[in-house]
Amino acid sequence: SPAGETHAQPQSHGQARRVEIKRNRK
């Protein structure tokens, strides 16, 4: 995530890599 990101630029969130929560077999 870019440092110094402000709340006035919510579009930068959409440019960030998509992170998903997964579980392995254990």
mmCIF file of all heavy atoms, coordinates in Angstrom:
data_MODEL
# 
_entry.id   MODEL 
# 
loop_
_atom_site.group_PDB 
_atom_site.id 
_atom_site.type_symbol 
_atom_site.label_atom_id 
_atom_site.label_alt_id 
_atom_site.label_comp_id 
_atom_site.label_asym_id 
_atom_site.label_entity_id 
_atom_site.label_seq_id 
_atom_site.pdbx_PDB_ins_code 
_atom_site.Cartn_x 
_atom_site.Cartn_y 
_atom_site.Cartn_z 
_atom_site.occupancy 
_atom_site.B_iso_or_equiv 
_atom_site.pdbx_formal_charge 
_atom_site.auth_seq_id 
_atom_site.auth_comp_id 
_atom_site.auth_asym_id 
_atom_site.auth_atom_id 
_atom_site.pdbx_PDB_model_num 
ATOM 1   N N   . SER A 1 1  ? 0.841   -1.195  0.000  1.00 0.00 ? 1  SER A N   1 
ATOM 2   C CA  . SER A 1 1  ? 0.000   0.000   0.000  1.00 0.00 ? 1  SER A CA  1 
ATOM 3   C C   . SER A 1 1  ? 0.871   1.238   0.000  1.00 0.00 ? 1  SER A C   1 
ATOM 4   O O   . SER A 1 1  ? 1.889   1.296   0.696  1.00 0.00 ? 1  SER A O   1 
ATOM 5   C CB  . SER A 1 1  ? -0.900  0.007   1.242  1.00 0.00 ? 1  SER A CB  1 
ATOM 6   O OG  . SER A 1 1  ? -1.803  -1.074  1.188  1.00 0.00 ? 1  SER A OG  1 
ATOM 7   N N   . PRO A 1 2  ? 0.520   2.263   -0.785 1.00 0.00 ? 2  PRO A N   1 
ATOM 8   C CA  . PRO A 1 2  ? 1.340   3.469   -0.835 1.00 0.00 ? 2  PRO A CA  1 
ATOM 9   C C   . PRO A 1 2  ? 1.347   4.201   0.489  1.00 0.00 ? 2  PRO A C   1 
ATOM 10  O O   . PRO A 1 2  ? 0.306   4.408   1.096  1.00 0.00 ? 2  PRO A O   1 
ATOM 11  C CB  . PRO A 1 2  ? 0.674   4.313   -1.926 1.00 0.00 ? 2  PRO A CB  1 
ATOM 12  C CG  . PRO A 1 2  ? -0.739  3.823   -1.973 1.00 0.00 ? 2  PRO A CG  1 
ATOM 13  C CD  . PRO A 1 2  ? -0.675  2.368   -1.640 1.00 0.00 ? 2  PRO A CD  1 
ATOM 14  N N   . ALA A 1 3  ? 2.527   4.582   0.964  1.00 0.00 ? 3  ALA A N   1 
ATOM 15  C CA  . ALA A 1 3  ? 2.649   5.328   2.212  1.00 0.00 ? 3  ALA A CA  1 
ATOM 16  C C   . ALA A 1 3  ? 2.023   6.704   2.054  1.00 0.00 ? 3  ALA A C   1 
ATOM 17  O O   . ALA A 1 3  ? 2.064   7.312   0.988  1.00 0.00 ? 3  ALA A O   1 
ATOM 18  C CB  . ALA A 1 3  ? 4.116   5.464   2.602  1.00 0.00 ? 3  ALA A CB  1 
ATOM 19  N N   . GLY A 1 4  ? 1.422   7.190   3.109  1.00 0.00 ? 4  GLY A N   1 
ATOM 20  C CA  . GLY A 1 4  ? 0.824   8.522   3.079  1.00 0.00 ? 4  GLY A CA  1 
ATOM 21  C C   . GLY A 1 4  ? -0.491  8.569   2.366  1.00 0.00 ? 4  GLY A C   1 
ATOM 22  O O   . GLY A 1 4  ? -0.976  9.628   2.003  1.00 0.00 ? 4  GLY A O   1 
ATOM 23  N N   . GLU A 1 5  ? -1.099  7.391   2.145  1.00 0.00 ? 5  GLU A N   1 
ATOM 24  C CA  . GLU A 1 5  ? -2.402  7.334   1.477  1.00 0.00 ? 5  GLU A CA  1 
ATOM 25  C C   . GLU A 1 5  ? -3.439  8.085   2.293  1.00 0.00 ? 5  GLU A C   1 
ATOM 26  O O   . GLU A 1 5  ? -3.517  7.957   3.503  1.00 0.00 ? 5  GLU A O   1 
ATOM 27  C CB  . GLU A 1 5  ? -2.804  5.867   1.325  1.00 0.00 ? 5  GLU A CB  1 
ATOM 28  C CG  . GLU A 1 5  ? -4.149  5.654   0.676  1.00 0.00 ? 5  GLU A CG  1 
ATOM 29  C CD  . GLU A 1 5  ? -4.521  4.189   0.688  1.00 0.00 ? 5  GLU A CD  1 
ATOM 30  O OE1 . GLU A 1 5  ? -3.839  3.428   1.367  1.00 0.00 ? 5  GLU A OE1 1 
ATOM 31  O OE2 . GLU A 1 5  ? -5.503  3.832   0.028  1.00 0.00 ? 5  GLU A OE2 1 
ATOM 32  N N   . THR A 1 6  ? -4.246  8.891   1.660  1.00 0.00 ? 6  THR A N   1 
ATOM 33  C CA  . THR A 1 6  ? -5.250  9.683   2.366  1.00 0.00 ? 6  THR A CA  1 
ATOM 34  C C   . THR A 1 6  ? -6.623  9.091   2.125  1.00 0.00 ? 6  THR A C   1 
ATOM 35  O O   . THR A 1 6  ? -6.853  8.317   1.203  1.00 0.00 ? 6  THR A O   1 
ATOM 36  C CB  . THR A 1 6  ? -5.244  11.144  1.865  1.00 0.00 ? 6  THR A CB  1 
ATOM 37  O OG1 . THR A 1 6  ? -5.619  11.141  0.485  1.00 0.00 ? 6  THR A OG1 1 
ATOM 38  C CG2 . THR A 1 6  ? -3.880  11.781  2.039  1.00 0.00 ? 6  THR A CG2 1 
ATOM 39  N N   . HIS A 1 7  ? -7.541  9.492   2.991  1.00 0.00 ? 7  HIS A N   1 
ATOM 40  C CA  . HIS A 1 7  ? -8.913  9.009   2.855  1.00 0.00 ? 7  HIS A CA  1 
ATOM 41  C C   . HIS A 1 7  ? -9.612  9.623   1.651  1.00 0.00 ? 7  HIS A C   1 
ATOM 42  O O   . HIS A 1 7  ? -10.639 9.148   1.215  1.00 0.00 ? 7  HIS A O   1 
ATOM 43  C CB  . HIS A 1 7  ? -9.694  9.339   4.134  1.00 0.00 ? 7  HIS A CB  1 
ATOM 44  C CG  . HIS A 1 7  ? -9.098  8.720   5.353  1.00 0.00 ? 7  HIS A CG  1 
ATOM 45  N ND1 . HIS A 1 7  ? -9.153  7.384   5.600  1.00 0.00 ? 7  HIS A ND1 1 
ATOM 46  C CD2 . HIS A 1 7  ? -8.404  9.285   6.395  1.00 0.00 ? 7  HIS A CD2 1 
ATOM 47  C CE1 . HIS A 1 7  ? -8.545  7.113   6.752  1.00 0.00 ? 7  HIS A CE1 1 
ATOM 48  N NE2 . HIS A 1 7  ? -8.082  8.254   7.248  1.00 0.00 ? 7  HIS A NE2 1 
ATOM 49  N N   . ALA A 1 8  ? -9.036  10.681  1.117  1.00 0.00 ? 8  ALA A N   1 
ATOM 50  C CA  . ALA A 1 8  ? -9.660  11.337  -0.027 1.00 0.00 ? 8  ALA A CA  1 
ATOM 51  C C   . ALA A 1 8  ? -9.368  10.599  -1.329 1.00 0.00 ? 8  ALA A C   1 
ATOM 52  O O   . ALA A 1 8  ? -9.839  10.984  -2.382 1.00 0.00 ? 8  ALA A O   1 
ATOM 53  C CB  . ALA A 1 8  ? -9.168  12.782  -0.139 1.00 0.00 ? 8  ALA A CB  1 
ATOM 54  N N   . GLN A 1 9  ? -8.536  9.516   -1.262 1.00 0.00 ? 9  GLN A N   1 
ATOM 55  C CA  . GLN A 1 9  ? -8.172  8.775   -2.464 1.00 0.00 ? 9  GLN A CA  1 
ATOM 56  C C   . GLN A 1 9  ? -8.531  7.299   -2.301 1.00 0.00 ? 9  GLN A C   1 
ATOM 57  O O   . GLN A 1 9  ? -7.670  6.423   -2.248 1.00 0.00 ? 9  GLN A O   1 
ATOM 58  C CB  . GLN A 1 9  ? -6.670  8.909   -2.731 1.00 0.00 ? 9  GLN A CB  1 
ATOM 59  C CG  . GLN A 1 9  ? -6.254  10.346  -3.019 1.00 0.00 ? 9  GLN A CG  1 
ATOM 60  C CD  . GLN A 1 9  ? -4.742  10.468  -3.113 1.00 0.00 ? 9  GLN A CD  1 
ATOM 61  O OE1 . GLN A 1 9  ? -4.007  9.736   -2.481 1.00 0.00 ? 9  GLN A OE1 1 
ATOM 62  N NE2 . GLN A 1 9  ? -4.281  11.383  -3.942 1.00 0.00 ? 9  GLN A NE2 1 
ATOM 63  N N   . PRO A 1 10 ? -9.800  7.002   -2.189 1.00 0.00 ? 10 PRO A N   1 
ATOM 64  C CA  . PRO A 1 10 ? -10.191 5.611   -1.990 1.00 0.00 ? 10 PRO A CA  1 
ATOM 65  C C   . PRO A 1 10 ? -9.905  4.737   -3.199 1.00 0.00 ? 10 PRO A C   1 
ATOM 66  O O   . PRO A 1 10 ? -9.846  3.527   -3.095 1.00 0.00 ? 10 PRO A O   1 
ATOM 67  C CB  . PRO A 1 10 ? -11.701 5.712   -1.724 1.00 0.00 ? 10 PRO A CB  1 
ATOM 68  C CG  . PRO A 1 10 ? -12.132 6.979   -2.402 1.00 0.00 ? 10 PRO A CG  1 
ATOM 69  C CD  . PRO A 1 10 ? -10.975 7.916   -2.298 1.00 0.00 ? 10 PRO A CD  1 
ATOM 70  N N   . GLN A 1 11 ? -9.700  5.349   -4.389 1.00 0.00 ? 11 GLN A N   1 
ATOM 71  C CA  . GLN A 1 11 ? -9.470  4.542   -5.572 1.00 0.00 ? 11 GLN A CA  1 
ATOM 72  C C   . GLN A 1 11 ? -8.169  3.774   -5.514 1.00 0.00 ? 11 GLN A C   1 
ATOM 73  O O   . GLN A 1 11 ? -8.001  2.769   -6.199 1.00 0.00 ? 11 GLN A O   1 
ATOM 74  C CB  . GLN A 1 11 ? -9.500  5.423   -6.840 1.00 0.00 ? 11 GLN A CB  1 
ATOM 75  C CG  . GLN A 1 11 ? -8.370  6.450   -6.934 1.00 0.00 ? 11 GLN A CG  1 
ATOM 76  C CD  . GLN A 1 11 ? -8.723  7.740   -6.221 1.00 0.00 ? 11 GLN A CD  1 
ATOM 77  O OE1 . GLN A 1 11 ? -9.683  7.784   -5.458 1.00 0.00 ? 11 GLN A OE1 1 
ATOM 78  N NE2 . GLN A 1 11 ? -7.971  8.792   -6.467 1.00 0.00 ? 11 GLN A NE2 1 
ATOM 79  N N   . SER A 1 12 ? -7.223  4.234   -4.689 1.00 0.00 ? 12 SER A N   1 
ATOM 80  C CA  . SER A 1 12 ? -5.939  3.536   -4.617 1.00 0.00 ? 12 SER A CA  1 
ATOM 81  C C   . SER A 1 12 ? -6.100  2.150   -4.013 1.00 0.00 ? 12 SER A C   1 
ATOM 82  O O   . SER A 1 12 ? -5.283  1.275   -4.221 1.00 0.00 ? 12 SER A O   1 
ATOM 83  C CB  . SER A 1 12 ? -4.939  4.351   -3.783 1.00 0.00 ? 12 SER A CB  1 
ATOM 84  O OG  . SER A 1 12 ? -5.455  4.562   -2.486 1.00 0.00 ? 12 SER A OG  1 
ATOM 85  N N   . HIS A 1 13 ? -7.185  1.952   -3.223 1.00 0.00 ? 13 HIS A N   1 
ATOM 86  C CA  . HIS A 1 13 ? -7.440  0.633   -2.663 1.00 0.00 ? 13 HIS A CA  1 
ATOM 87  C C   . HIS A 1 13 ? -7.719  -0.374  -3.771 1.00 0.00 ? 13 HIS A C   1 
ATOM 88  O O   . HIS A 1 13 ? -7.308  -1.521  -3.694 1.00 0.00 ? 13 HIS A O   1 
ATOM 89  C CB  . HIS A 1 13 ? -8.631  0.680   -1.707 1.00 0.00 ? 13 HIS A CB  1 
ATOM 90  C CG  . HIS A 1 13 ? -8.316  1.362   -0.413 1.00 0.00 ? 13 HIS A CG  1 
ATOM 91  N ND1 . HIS A 1 13 ? -7.589  0.757   0.573  1.00 0.00 ? 13 HIS A ND1 1 
ATOM 92  C CD2 . HIS A 1 13 ? -8.641  2.597   0.041  1.00 0.00 ? 13 HIS A CD2 1 
ATOM 93  C CE1 . HIS A 1 13 ? -7.472  1.580   1.604  1.00 0.00 ? 13 HIS A CE1 1 
ATOM 94  N NE2 . HIS A 1 13 ? -8.108  2.707   1.291  1.00 0.00 ? 13 HIS A NE2 1 
ATOM 95  N N   . GLY A 1 14 ? -8.420  0.067   -4.760 1.00 0.00 ? 14 GLY A N   1 
ATOM 96  C CA  . GLY A 1 14 ? -8.762  -0.831  -5.842 1.00 0.00 ? 14 GLY A CA  1 
ATOM 97  C C   . GLY A 1 14 ? -7.557  -1.241  -6.670 1.00 0.00 ? 14 GLY A C   1 
ATOM 98  O O   . GLY A 1 14 ? -7.559  -2.270  -7.318 1.00 0.00 ? 14 GLY A O   1 
ATOM 99  N N   . GLN A 1 15 ? -6.499  -0.430  -6.671 1.00 0.00 ? 15 GLN A N   1 
ATOM 100 C CA  . GLN A 1 15 ? -5.305  -0.741  -7.440 1.00 0.00 ? 15 GLN A CA  1 
ATOM 101 C C   . GLN A 1 15 ? -4.401  -1.718  -6.699 1.00 0.00 ? 15 GLN A C   1 
ATOM 102 O O   . GLN A 1 15 ? -3.500  -2.297  -7.260 1.00 0.00 ? 15 GLN A O   1 
ATOM 103 C CB  . GLN A 1 15 ? -4.538  0.548   -7.733 1.00 0.00 ? 15 GLN A CB  1 
ATOM 104 C CG  . GLN A 1 15 ? -5.334  1.543   -8.563 1.00 0.00 ? 15 GLN A CG  1 
ATOM 105 C CD  . GLN A 1 15 ? -4.672  2.899   -8.607 1.00 0.00 ? 15 GLN A CD  1 
ATOM 106 O OE1 . GLN A 1 15 ? -3.593  3.090   -8.047 1.00 0.00 ? 15 GLN A OE1 1 
ATOM 107 N NE2 . GLN A 1 15 ? -5.307  3.844   -9.273 1.00 0.00 ? 15 GLN A NE2 1 
ATOM 108 N N   . ALA A 1 16 ? -4.628  -1.883  -5.404 1.00 0.00 ? 16 ALA A N   1 
ATOM 109 C CA  . ALA A 1 16 ? -3.787  -2.767  -4.614 1.00 0.00 ? 16 ALA A CA  1 
ATOM 110 C C   . ALA A 1 16 ? -4.069  -4.223  -4.976 1.00 0.00 ? 16 ALA A C   1 
ATOM 111 O O   . ALA A 1 16 ? -5.130  -4.565  -5.506 1.00 0.00 ? 16 ALA A O   1 
ATOM 112 C CB  . ALA A 1 16 ? -4.042  -2.540  -3.141 1.00 0.00 ? 16 ALA A CB  1 
ATOM 113 N N   . ARG A 1 17 ? -3.092  -5.075  -4.688 1.00 0.00 ? 17 ARG A N   1 
ATOM 114 C CA  . ARG A 1 17 ? -3.220  -6.491  -4.967 1.00 0.00 ? 17 ARG A CA  1 
ATOM 115 C C   . ARG A 1 17 ? -4.363  -7.082  -4.142 1.00 0.00 ? 17 ARG A C   1 
ATOM 116 O O   . ARG A 1 17 ? -4.503  -6.789  -2.966 1.00 0.00 ? 17 ARG A O   1 
ATOM 117 C CB  . ARG A 1 17 ? -1.905  -7.193  -4.627 1.00 0.00 ? 17 ARG A CB  1 
ATOM 118 C CG  . ARG A 1 17 ? -1.877  -8.664  -5.034 1.00 0.00 ? 17 ARG A CG  1 
ATOM 119 C CD  . ARG A 1 17 ? -0.601  -9.318  -4.571 1.00 0.00 ? 17 ARG A CD  1 
ATOM 120 N NE  . ARG A 1 17 ? 0.570   -8.617  -5.079 1.00 0.00 ? 17 ARG A NE  1 
ATOM 121 C CZ  . ARG A 1 17 ? 1.829   -8.983  -4.807 1.00 0.00 ? 17 ARG A CZ  1 
ATOM 122 N NH1 . ARG A 1 17 ? 2.041   -10.011 -4.007 1.00 0.00 ? 17 ARG A NH1 1 
ATOM 123 N NH2 . ARG A 1 17 ? 2.842   -8.311  -5.311 1.00 0.00 ? 17 ARG A NH2 1 
ATOM 124 N N   . ARG A 1 18 ? -5.148  -7.952  -4.749 1.00 0.00 ? 18 ARG A N   1 
ATOM 125 C CA  . ARG A 1 18 ? -6.280  -8.572  -4.063 1.00 0.00 ? 18 ARG A CA  1 
ATOM 126 C C   . ARG A 1 18 ? -5.768  -9.635  -3.104 1.00 0.00 ? 18 ARG A C   1 
ATOM 127 O O   . ARG A 1 18 ? -4.999  -10.520 -3.484 1.00 0.00 ? 18 ARG A O   1 
ATOM 128 C CB  . ARG A 1 18 ? -7.235  -9.191  -5.089 1.00 0.00 ? 18 ARG A CB  1 
ATOM 129 C CG  . ARG A 1 18 ? -8.474  -9.816  -4.466 1.00 0.00 ? 18 ARG A CG  1 
ATOM 130 C CD  . ARG A 1 18 ? -9.391  -10.367 -5.543 1.00 0.00 ? 18 ARG A CD  1 
ATOM 131 N NE  . ARG A 1 18 ? -10.544 -11.031 -4.984 1.00 0.00 ? 18 ARG A NE  1 
ATOM 132 C CZ  . ARG A 1 18 ? -11.651 -10.413 -4.598 1.00 0.00 ? 18 ARG A CZ  1 
ATOM 133 N NH1 . ARG A 1 18 ? -11.744 -9.100  -4.723 1.00 0.00 ? 18 ARG A NH1 1 
ATOM 134 N NH2 . ARG A 1 18 ? -12.663 -11.093 -4.097 1.00 0.00 ? 18 ARG A NH2 1 
ATOM 135 N N   . VAL A 1 19 ? -6.190  -9.540  -1.869 1.00 0.00 ? 19 VAL A N   1 
ATOM 136 C CA  . VAL A 1 19 ? -5.769  -10.489 -0.833 1.00 0.00 ? 19 VAL A CA  1 
ATOM 137 C C   . VAL A 1 19 ? -6.996  -11.261 -0.373 1.00 0.00 ? 19 VAL A C   1 
ATOM 138 O O   . VAL A 1 19 ? -8.032  -10.678 -0.050 1.00 0.00 ? 19 VAL A O   1 
ATOM 139 C CB  . VAL A 1 19 ? -5.125  -9.762  0.374  1.00 0.00 ? 19 VAL A CB  1 
ATOM 140 C CG1 . VAL A 1 19 ? -4.725  -10.762 1.445  1.00 0.00 ? 19 VAL A CG1 1 
ATOM 141 C CG2 . VAL A 1 19 ? -3.925  -8.946  -0.078 1.00 0.00 ? 19 VAL A CG2 1 
ATOM 142 N N   . GLU A 1 20 ? -6.880  -12.585 -0.336 1.00 0.00 ? 20 GLU A N   1 
ATOM 143 C CA  . GLU A 1 20 ? -7.983  -13.434 0.090  1.00 0.00 ? 20 GLU A CA  1 
ATOM 144 C C   . GLU A 1 20 ? -7.518  -14.371 1.199  1.00 0.00 ? 20 GLU A C   1 
ATOM 145 O O   . GLU A 1 20 ? -6.355  -14.787 1.229  1.00 0.00 ? 20 GLU A O   1 
ATOM 146 C CB  . GLU A 1 20 ? -8.531  -14.259 -1.085 1.00 0.00 ? 20 GLU A CB  1 
ATOM 147 C CG  . GLU A 1 20 ? -9.185  -13.422 -2.174 1.00 0.00 ? 20 GLU A CG  1 
ATOM 148 C CD  . GLU A 1 20 ? -9.750  -14.270 -3.289 1.00 0.00 ? 20 GLU A CD  1 
ATOM 149 O OE1 . GLU A 1 20 ? -9.487  -15.498 -3.278 1.00 0.00 ? 20 GLU A OE1 1 
ATOM 150 O OE2 . GLU A 1 20 ? -10.457 -13.730 -4.154 1.00 0.00 ? 20 GLU A OE2 1 
ATOM 151 N N   . ILE A 1 21 ? -8.439  -14.694 2.086  1.00 0.00 ? 21 ILE A N   1 
ATOM 152 C CA  . ILE A 1 21 ? -8.128  -15.590 3.195  1.00 0.00 ? 21 ILE A CA  1 
ATOM 153 C C   . ILE A 1 21 ? -8.449  -17.022 2.778  1.00 0.00 ? 21 ILE A C   1 
ATOM 154 O O   . ILE A 1 21 ? -9.559  -17.326 2.346  1.00 0.00 ? 21 ILE A O   1 
ATOM 155 C CB  . ILE A 1 21 ? -8.935  -15.213 4.451  1.00 0.00 ? 21 ILE A CB  1 
ATOM 156 C CG1 . ILE A 1 21 ? -8.562  -13.803 4.906  1.00 0.00 ? 21 ILE A CG1 1 
ATOM 157 C CG2 . ILE A 1 21 ? -8.690  -16.204 5.580  1.00 0.00 ? 21 ILE A CG2 1 
ATOM 158 C CD1 . ILE A 1 21 ? -7.101  -13.605 5.239  1.00 0.00 ? 21 ILE A CD1 1 
ATOM 159 N N   . LYS A 1 22 ? -7.462  -17.905 2.922  1.00 0.00 ? 22 LYS A N   1 
ATOM 160 C CA  . LYS A 1 22 ? -7.635  -19.316 2.568  1.00 0.00 ? 22 LYS A CA  1 
ATOM 161 C C   . LYS A 1 22 ? -7.189  -20.189 3.738  1.00 0.00 ? 22 LYS A C   1 
ATOM 162 O O   . LYS A 1 22 ? -6.509  -19.736 4.648  1.00 0.00 ? 22 LYS A O   1 
ATOM 163 C CB  . LYS A 1 22 ? -6.797  -19.666 1.326  1.00 0.00 ? 22 LYS A CB  1 
ATOM 164 C CG  . LYS A 1 22 ? -7.152  -18.874 0.081  1.00 0.00 ? 22 LYS A CG  1 
ATOM 165 C CD  . LYS A 1 22 ? -8.512  -19.260 -0.463 1.00 0.00 ? 22 LYS A CD  1 
ATOM 166 C CE  . LYS A 1 22 ? -8.811  -18.531 -1.768 1.00 0.00 ? 22 LYS A CE  1 
ATOM 167 N NZ  . LYS A 1 22 ? -10.136 -18.897 -2.315 1.00 0.00 ? 22 LYS A NZ  1 
ATOM 168 N N   . ARG A 1 23 ? -7.590  -21.458 3.676  1.00 0.00 ? 23 ARG A N   1 
ATOM 169 C CA  . ARG A 1 23 ? -7.163  -22.434 4.676  1.00 0.00 ? 23 ARG A CA  1 
ATOM 170 C C   . ARG A 1 23 ? -6.583  -23.650 3.974  1.00 0.00 ? 23 ARG A C   1 
ATOM 171 O O   . ARG A 1 23 ? -7.120  -24.108 2.961  1.00 0.00 ? 23 ARG A O   1 
ATOM 172 C CB  . ARG A 1 23 ? -8.338  -22.870 5.560  1.00 0.00 ? 23 ARG A CB  1 
ATOM 173 C CG  . ARG A 1 23 ? -8.920  -21.770 6.425  1.00 0.00 ? 23 ARG A CG  1 
ATOM 174 C CD  . ARG A 1 23 ? -10.115 -22.288 7.208  1.00 0.00 ? 23 ARG A CD  1 
ATOM 175 N NE  . ARG A 1 23 ? -9.711  -23.267 8.209  1.00 0.00 ? 23 ARG A NE  1 
ATOM 176 C CZ  . ARG A 1 23 ? -10.527 -24.169 8.758  1.00 0.00 ? 23 ARG A CZ  1 
ATOM 177 N NH1 . ARG A 1 23 ? -11.790 -24.237 8.350  1.00 0.00 ? 23 ARG A NH1 1 
ATOM 178 N NH2 . ARG A 1 23 ? -10.096 -24.995 9.679  1.00 0.00 ? 23 ARG A NH2 1 
ATOM 179 N N   . ASN A 1 24 ? -5.476  -24.172 4.516  1.00 0.00 ? 24 ASN A N   1 
ATOM 180 C CA  . ASN A 1 24 ? -4.908  -25.381 3.928  1.00 0.00 ? 24 ASN A CA  1 
ATOM 181 C C   . ASN A 1 24 ? -5.561  -26.623 4.519  1.00 0.00 ? 24 ASN A C   1 
ATOM 182 O O   . ASN A 1 24 ? -6.501  -26.526 5.316  1.00 0.00 ? 24 ASN A O   1 
ATOM 183 C CB  . ASN A 1 24 ? -3.380  -25.410 4.117  1.00 0.00 ? 24 ASN A CB  1 
ATOM 184 C CG  . ASN A 1 24 ? -2.973  -25.456 5.592  1.00 0.00 ? 24 ASN A CG  1 
ATOM 185 O OD1 . ASN A 1 24 ? -3.777  -25.780 6.469  1.00 0.00 ? 24 ASN A OD1 1 
ATOM 186 N ND2 . ASN A 1 24 ? -1.719  -25.139 5.858  1.00 0.00 ? 24 ASN A ND2 1 
ATOM 187 N N   . ARG A 1 25 ? -5.070  -27.789 4.158  1.00 0.00 ? 25 ARG A N   1 
ATOM 188 C CA  . ARG A 1 25 ? -5.707  -29.030 4.599  1.00 0.00 ? 25 ARG A CA  1 
ATOM 189 C C   . ARG A 1 25 ? -5.656  -29.213 6.114  1.00 0.00 ? 25 ARG A C   1 
ATOM 190 O O   . ARG A 1 25 ? -6.499  -29.896 6.689  1.00 0.00 ? 25 ARG A O   1 
ATOM 191 C CB  . ARG A 1 25 ? -5.019  -30.222 3.922  1.00 0.00 ? 25 ARG A CB  1 
ATOM 192 C CG  . ARG A 1 25 ? -5.277  -30.295 2.421  1.00 0.00 ? 25 ARG A CG  1 
ATOM 193 C CD  . ARG A 1 25 ? -4.582  -31.494 1.815  1.00 0.00 ? 25 ARG A CD  1 
ATOM 194 N NE  . ARG A 1 25 ? -4.815  -31.584 0.371  1.00 0.00 ? 25 ARG A NE  1 
ATOM 195 C CZ  . ARG A 1 25 ? -4.288  -32.522 -0.404 1.00 0.00 ? 25 ARG A CZ  1 
ATOM 196 N NH1 . ARG A 1 25 ? -3.492  -33.444 0.130  1.00 0.00 ? 25 ARG A NH1 1 
ATOM 197 N NH2 . ARG A 1 25 ? -4.552  -32.535 -1.690 1.00 0.00 ? 25 ARG A NH2 1 
ATOM 198 N N   . LYS A 1 26 ? -4.668  -28.634 6.728  1.00 0.00 ? 26 LYS A N   1 
ATOM 199 C CA  . LYS A 1 26 ? -4.528  -28.758 8.183  1.00 0.00 ? 26 LYS A CA  1 
ATOM 200 C C   . LYS A 1 26 ? -5.311  -27.683 8.934  1.00 0.00 ? 26 LYS A C   1 
ATOM 201 O O   . LYS A 1 26 ? -5.255  -27.610 10.155 1.00 0.00 ? 26 LYS A O   1 
ATOM 202 C CB  . LYS A 1 26 ? -3.055  -28.694 8.575  1.00 0.00 ? 26 LYS A CB  1 
ATOM 203 C CG  . LYS A 1 26 ? -2.253  -29.890 8.093  1.00 0.00 ? 26 LYS A CG  1 
ATOM 204 C CD  . LYS A 1 26 ? -0.817  -29.835 8.607  1.00 0.00 ? 26 LYS A CD  1 
ATOM 205 C CE  . LYS A 1 26 ? -0.053  -31.066 8.166  1.00 0.00 ? 26 LYS A CE  1 
ATOM 206 N NZ  . LYS A 1 26 ? 1.357   -31.042 8.666  1.00 0.00 ? 26 LYS A NZ  1 
# 
